[in-house]
Amino acid sequence: MATRTNPATPPVIWLSMGLVAVSAAALSFASLQHLAVACGVSVALAWLVPVAIDAAAAVASWVWLAPSSPQAARRFARTLAIGTLALSVAGNALDHWLQIFGGQPAWWLVVALAAVPPIVLGAVVHLVALLITDHQATPAATDQEEVVTHQVTTHQGGDNQQPGLGAHQDLADTIAPGTRQPGEQATEPAASHQAHNNELASARRNAPARRQAPKSPGGDERLVAQVVDMLVAGERDGRQVGRGTVRRQLELTSDHQARTLLEAAKARRGRPSLRAVGDDG
């Protein structure tokens, strides 16, 4: 369930929480440092043990309370904050127990204390990785959703859509993700639109003259015409159109059909127009 933070939280609450955190850190600092010395850590470095624990608790608490933090990072930050606070409580209790009863730390306590700094470091690094990975993945996922939505809209448009133009827009969104803001429609220069529309209009005008030619190997003149448009768009954009592209764009069921349509379209493009070689009249 999504959580919401109250933007009108009085400043006195944040100030009080800060004072509690500073007071608790200062009181537990001496106990954790004394426990580290008792477990064999040198006096010059013993102060780093409470600093590592308290700093990890502070970072985890900040990520946990930040409303802009991703959900995965907030969940792990909550676990880390509670864990480091529990570790600090346990360390304080053990130090006071040793001081009251005058005992020596057991071997397992020495081993556990020695393992605390690297474990805390690994947990903080993992928390930072969750933050970075989520912030980098979100824009890419948004652009991918827009590309898929645009492709579905193009396929559902029927014969009124322009296959070559839709394929060109999908290619531009795929090659350069993140170049447009979420929700912004993909656009092309006006000159490119006009040139492509002129090519499609010319192909439709020449269609009656090509009807008298022998039937293409593709078997379906409408699909062959769409592949021709894809080849025209590919030459204009400087990309190669293969049978894989034809199969995806036309939603074919076999590579053989895609290859047959591609060969028919290439043969049609390589054959001179009947209007060009006929009589002027």
Protein backbone atom coordinates (compact mmCIF):
# COMPACT_ATOMS: atom_id res chain seq x y z
CA MET A 1 0.00 0.00 0.00
CA ALA A 2 1.37 3.42 -0.95
CA THR A 3 2.27 5.75 1.90
CA ARG A 4 1.89 9.51 1.97
CA THR A 5 3.73 12.10 3.99
CA ASN A 6 2.07 15.17 5.47
CA PRO A 7 3.69 18.26 3.88
CA ALA A 8 2.33 20.44 6.73
CA THR A 9 4.36 18.71 9.45
CA PRO A 10 5.29 21.38 12.03
CA PRO A 11 9.02 22.20 12.18
CA VAL A 12 9.00 21.54 15.93
CA ILE A 13 8.49 17.84 15.23
CA TRP A 14 11.57 17.65 13.01
CA LEU A 15 13.57 19.69 15.55
CA SER A 16 12.50 17.42 18.39
CA MET A 17 13.37 14.31 16.41
CA GLY A 18 16.80 15.74 15.63
CA LEU A 19 17.47 16.49 19.31
CA VAL A 20 16.44 12.96 20.29
CA ALA A 21 18.71 11.46 17.64
CA VAL A 22 21.70 13.58 18.67
CA SER A 23 21.18 12.85 22.37
CA ALA A 24 20.82 9.09 21.81
CA ALA A 25 23.91 9.00 19.59
CA ALA A 26 25.98 10.93 22.13
CA LEU A 27 24.91 8.70 25.04
CA SER A 28 25.46 5.44 23.20
CA PHE A 29 28.76 6.59 21.67
CA ALA A 30 30.73 6.09 24.89
CA SER A 31 29.24 2.65 25.55
CA LEU A 32 29.91 1.34 22.06
CA GLN A 33 33.43 2.76 22.08
CA HIS A 34 34.15 1.12 25.46
CA LEU A 35 32.75 -2.19 24.18
CA ALA A 36 35.00 -2.01 21.12
CA VAL A 37 38.07 -1.47 23.33
CA ALA A 38 37.02 -4.40 25.55
CA CYS A 39 36.78 -6.60 22.43
CA GLY A 40 40.34 -5.81 21.35
CA VAL A 41 39.96 -2.75 19.11
CA SER A 42 42.67 -0.16 19.66
CA VAL A 43 41.72 3.01 21.51
CA ALA A 44 42.69 5.14 18.49
CA LEU A 45 40.18 3.33 16.26
CA ALA A 46 37.48 2.29 18.73
CA TRP A 47 35.47 5.47 18.14
CA LEU A 48 34.86 4.40 14.53
CA VAL A 49 32.59 1.53 15.62
CA PRO A 50 29.80 3.77 17.04
CA VAL A 51 30.29 6.22 14.17
CA ALA A 52 29.70 3.46 11.59
CA ILE A 53 26.56 2.22 13.35
CA ASP A 54 25.07 5.67 13.97
CA ALA A 55 25.91 6.94 10.47
CA ALA A 56 24.24 3.92 8.88
CA ALA A 57 21.17 4.50 11.04
CA ALA A 58 21.07 8.16 9.99
CA VAL A 59 21.34 7.37 6.25
CA ALA A 60 18.70 4.64 6.48
CA SER A 61 16.33 6.91 8.42
CA TRP A 62 16.72 9.71 5.86
CA VAL A 63 15.94 7.40 2.92
CA TRP A 64 13.04 5.89 4.84
CA LEU A 65 11.46 9.29 5.57
CA ALA A 66 12.17 10.87 2.15
CA PRO A 67 8.91 10.90 0.11
CA SER A 68 10.87 10.83 -3.15
CA SER A 69 12.64 7.55 -2.32
CA PRO A 70 11.57 4.50 -4.39
CA GLN A 71 9.49 1.88 -2.64
CA ALA A 72 12.20 -0.81 -2.79
CA ALA A 73 14.77 1.56 -1.28
CA ARG A 74 12.34 2.71 1.43
CA ARG A 75 11.56 -0.86 2.46
CA PHE A 76 15.24 -1.78 2.75
CA ALA A 77 16.01 1.54 4.50
CA ARG A 78 13.33 0.82 7.11
CA THR A 79 14.85 -2.62 7.76
CA LEU A 80 18.36 -1.15 7.97
CA ALA A 81 17.31 1.65 10.31
CA ILE A 82 15.56 -0.70 12.71
CA GLY A 83 18.46 -3.17 12.52
CA THR A 84 21.14 -0.60 13.31
CA LEU A 85 19.08 0.82 16.18
CA ALA A 86 18.63 -2.68 17.60
CA LEU A 87 22.37 -3.27 17.19
CA SER A 88 23.12 -0.08 19.10
CA VAL A 89 20.73 -1.10 21.89
CA ALA A 90 22.34 -4.53 22.14
CA GLY A 91 25.85 -3.02 22.22
CA ASN A 92 24.93 -0.60 24.99
CA ALA A 93 23.33 -3.36 27.05
CA LEU A 94 26.33 -5.69 26.67
CA ASP A 95 28.79 -2.96 27.62
CA HIS A 96 26.89 -2.10 30.80
CA TRP A 97 26.55 -5.78 31.68
CA LEU A 98 30.33 -6.28 31.35
CA GLN A 99 31.04 -3.20 33.47
CA ILE A 100 28.66 -4.21 36.26
CA PHE A 101 29.70 -7.86 36.53
CA GLY A 102 33.33 -7.30 35.57
CA GLY A 103 33.40 -10.12 33.03
CA GLN A 104 35.43 -10.53 29.88
CA PRO A 105 33.80 -10.55 26.44
CA ALA A 106 33.13 -14.03 25.08
CA TRP A 107 34.76 -15.11 21.84
CA TRP A 108 31.49 -14.89 19.94
CA LEU A 109 31.05 -11.27 21.06
CA VAL A 110 34.52 -10.37 19.78
CA VAL A 111 33.78 -12.05 16.43
CA ALA A 112 30.38 -10.36 16.16
CA LEU A 113 31.80 -6.92 16.89
CA ALA A 114 34.56 -7.40 14.30
CA ALA A 115 31.94 -8.29 11.68
CA VAL A 116 29.78 -5.21 12.31
CA PRO A 117 31.73 -2.59 10.25
CA PRO A 118 31.88 -4.56 6.95
CA ILE A 119 28.27 -5.69 7.30
CA VAL A 120 27.11 -2.11 7.87
CA LEU A 121 29.17 -0.91 4.89
CA GLY A 122 27.65 -3.56 2.62
CA ALA A 123 24.13 -2.67 3.73
CA VAL A 124 24.66 1.05 3.05
CA VAL A 125 26.17 0.34 -0.39
CA HIS A 126 23.18 -1.86 -1.23
CA LEU A 127 20.82 0.92 -0.18
CA VAL A 128 22.60 3.43 -2.42
CA ALA A 129 22.50 0.90 -5.29
CA LEU A 130 18.72 0.61 -4.90
CA LEU A 131 18.39 4.39 -5.13
CA ILE A 132 20.62 4.75 -8.21
CA THR A 133 19.22 1.74 -10.07
CA ASP A 134 15.60 2.78 -9.60
CA HIS A 135 16.20 6.40 -10.66
CA GLN A 136 18.04 5.26 -13.80
CA ALA A 137 15.52 2.61 -14.73
CA THR A 138 12.40 4.75 -14.39
CA PRO A 139 12.98 7.07 -17.45
CA ALA A 140 13.94 4.13 -19.65
CA ALA A 141 10.83 2.20 -18.62
CA THR A 142 8.64 5.24 -19.32
CA ASP A 143 10.08 5.66 -22.82
CA GLN A 144 9.65 1.93 -23.51
CA GLU A 145 5.97 2.08 -22.49
CA GLU A 146 5.44 5.03 -24.85
CA VAL A 147 7.08 3.14 -27.73
CA VAL A 148 4.89 0.07 -27.16
CA THR A 149 1.76 2.26 -26.97
CA HIS A 150 2.71 4.03 -30.20
CA GLN A 151 3.28 0.70 -31.98
CA VAL A 152 -0.09 -0.66 -30.85
CA THR A 153 -1.82 2.52 -32.04
CA THR A 154 -0.08 2.25 -35.44
CA HIS A 155 -1.14 -1.39 -35.90
CA GLN A 156 -4.74 -0.66 -34.89
CA GLY A 157 -5.02 2.24 -37.32
CA GLY A 158 -5.78 -0.04 -40.29
CA ASP A 159 -5.31 1.10 -43.88
CA ASN A 160 -5.60 4.77 -42.92
CA GLN A 161 -2.23 4.64 -41.16
CA GLN A 162 1.07 5.21 -42.95
CA PRO A 163 3.26 2.16 -42.18
CA GLY A 164 6.49 3.75 -43.29
CA LEU A 165 5.99 6.82 -41.10
CA GLY A 166 5.02 4.75 -38.05
CA ALA A 167 8.07 2.51 -38.45
CA HIS A 168 10.30 5.58 -38.73
CA GLN A 169 8.90 7.07 -35.51
CA ASP A 170 9.28 3.76 -33.64
CA LEU A 171 12.90 3.51 -34.81
CA ALA A 172 13.66 7.05 -33.67
CA ASP A 173 12.18 6.40 -30.22
CA THR A 174 14.13 3.13 -29.88
CA ILE A 175 17.53 4.52 -30.97
CA ALA A 176 17.35 7.65 -28.82
CA PRO A 177 15.37 6.82 -25.66
CA GLY A 178 14.91 9.60 -23.15
CA THR A 179 15.27 12.41 -25.72
CA ARG A 180 11.68 13.50 -25.18
CA GLN A 181 9.73 14.11 -22.00
CA PRO A 182 7.07 11.63 -20.81
CA GLY A 183 3.75 12.33 -22.49
CA GLU A 184 5.31 14.28 -25.36
CA GLN A 185 4.39 13.04 -28.82
CA ALA A 186 7.15 11.92 -31.15
CA THR A 187 7.55 14.43 -34.02
CA GLU A 188 9.56 14.67 -37.21
CA PRO A 189 10.68 17.69 -39.21
CA ALA A 190 8.00 19.09 -41.50
CA ALA A 191 10.18 18.55 -44.57
CA SER A 192 10.56 14.83 -43.78
CA HIS A 193 6.77 14.49 -43.40
CA GLN A 194 6.14 16.22 -46.71
CA ALA A 195 8.72 14.18 -48.62
CA HIS A 196 7.36 10.90 -47.28
CA ASN A 197 3.76 11.87 -48.07
CA ASN A 198 4.79 12.77 -51.62
CA GLU A 199 6.41 9.34 -52.09
CA LEU A 200 3.30 7.56 -50.83
CA ALA A 201 1.02 9.66 -53.05
CA SER A 202 3.17 8.91 -56.10
CA ALA A 203 3.10 5.19 -55.33
CA ARG A 204 -0.71 5.23 -55.09
CA ARG A 205 -1.03 7.11 -58.39
CA ASN A 206 1.13 4.53 -60.16
CA ALA A 207 -0.74 1.59 -58.65
CA PRO A 208 -3.32 1.23 -61.53
CA ALA A 209 -0.52 1.02 -64.09
CA ARG A 210 1.18 -1.77 -62.15
CA ARG A 211 -1.97 -3.90 -61.99
CA GLN A 212 -1.35 -5.18 -65.53
CA ALA A 213 2.08 -6.51 -64.55
CA PRO A 214 2.47 -10.20 -63.60
CA LYS A 215 1.42 -11.08 -60.09
CA SER A 216 4.26 -10.67 -57.57
CA PRO A 217 5.62 -13.69 -55.67
CA GLY A 218 4.26 -12.19 -52.47
CA GLY A 219 0.69 -13.13 -53.39
CA ASP A 220 -0.83 -10.16 -51.50
CA GLU A 221 -0.49 -6.84 -53.27
CA ARG A 222 -1.46 -4.84 -50.19
CA LEU A 223 1.28 -6.41 -48.06
CA VAL A 224 3.83 -5.97 -50.85
CA ALA A 225 2.90 -2.29 -51.09
CA GLN A 226 3.45 -1.91 -47.36
CA VAL A 227 6.87 -3.55 -47.62
CA VAL A 228 7.73 -1.15 -50.46
CA ASP A 229 6.85 1.76 -48.17
CA MET A 230 9.08 0.26 -45.47
CA LEU A 231 11.98 0.01 -47.94
CA VAL A 232 11.48 3.64 -48.96
CA ALA A 233 11.46 4.76 -45.34
CA GLY A 234 14.52 2.63 -44.58
CA GLU A 235 16.54 4.13 -47.44
CA ARG A 236 15.59 7.60 -46.33
CA ASP A 237 16.62 6.91 -42.71
CA GLY A 238 19.80 5.07 -43.62
CA ARG A 239 18.76 1.72 -42.11
CA GLN A 240 18.37 -1.74 -43.60
CA VAL A 241 14.99 -3.47 -43.68
CA GLY A 242 15.25 -7.25 -43.33
CA ARG A 243 12.75 -10.05 -43.08
CA GLY A 244 12.76 -9.77 -39.28
CA THR A 245 11.63 -6.15 -39.50
CA VAL A 246 8.98 -7.07 -42.09
CA ARG A 247 7.67 -9.88 -39.92
CA ARG A 248 7.39 -7.68 -36.83
CA GLN A 249 5.83 -4.67 -38.56
CA LEU A 250 3.23 -6.73 -40.50
CA GLU A 251 2.73 -9.25 -37.67
CA LEU A 252 3.39 -12.24 -39.92
CA THR A 253 3.47 -15.81 -38.66
CA SER A 254 6.52 -17.16 -40.55
CA ASP A 255 9.91 -16.02 -41.81
CA HIS A 256 9.15 -17.61 -45.20
CA GLN A 257 6.21 -15.28 -45.80
CA ALA A 258 8.28 -12.28 -44.71
CA ARG A 259 11.14 -13.26 -47.03
CA THR A 260 8.73 -13.77 -49.94
CA LEU A 261 7.13 -10.36 -49.43
CA LEU A 262 10.55 -8.70 -49.11
CA GLU A 263 11.77 -10.26 -52.38
CA ALA A 264 8.56 -9.20 -54.15
CA ALA A 265 8.89 -5.64 -52.85
CA LYS A 266 12.55 -5.43 -53.94
CA ALA A 267 11.60 -6.77 -57.38
CA ARG A 268 8.81 -4.21 -57.69
CA ARG A 269 11.13 -1.35 -56.73
CA GLY A 270 13.78 -2.54 -59.19
CA ARG A 271 11.24 -2.76 -62.09
CA PRO A 272 10.72 0.50 -64.07
CA SER A 273 7.28 2.05 -63.90
CA LEU A 274 4.96 1.25 -66.85
CA ARG A 275 3.94 4.91 -66.94
CA ALA A 276 7.55 5.95 -67.43
CA VAL A 277 8.23 3.61 -70.39
CA GLY A 278 4.81 3.89 -72.05
CA ASP A 279 3.48 6.34 -74.60
CA ASP A 280 3.21 9.97 -73.65
CA GLY A 281 -0.47 9.84 -74.39
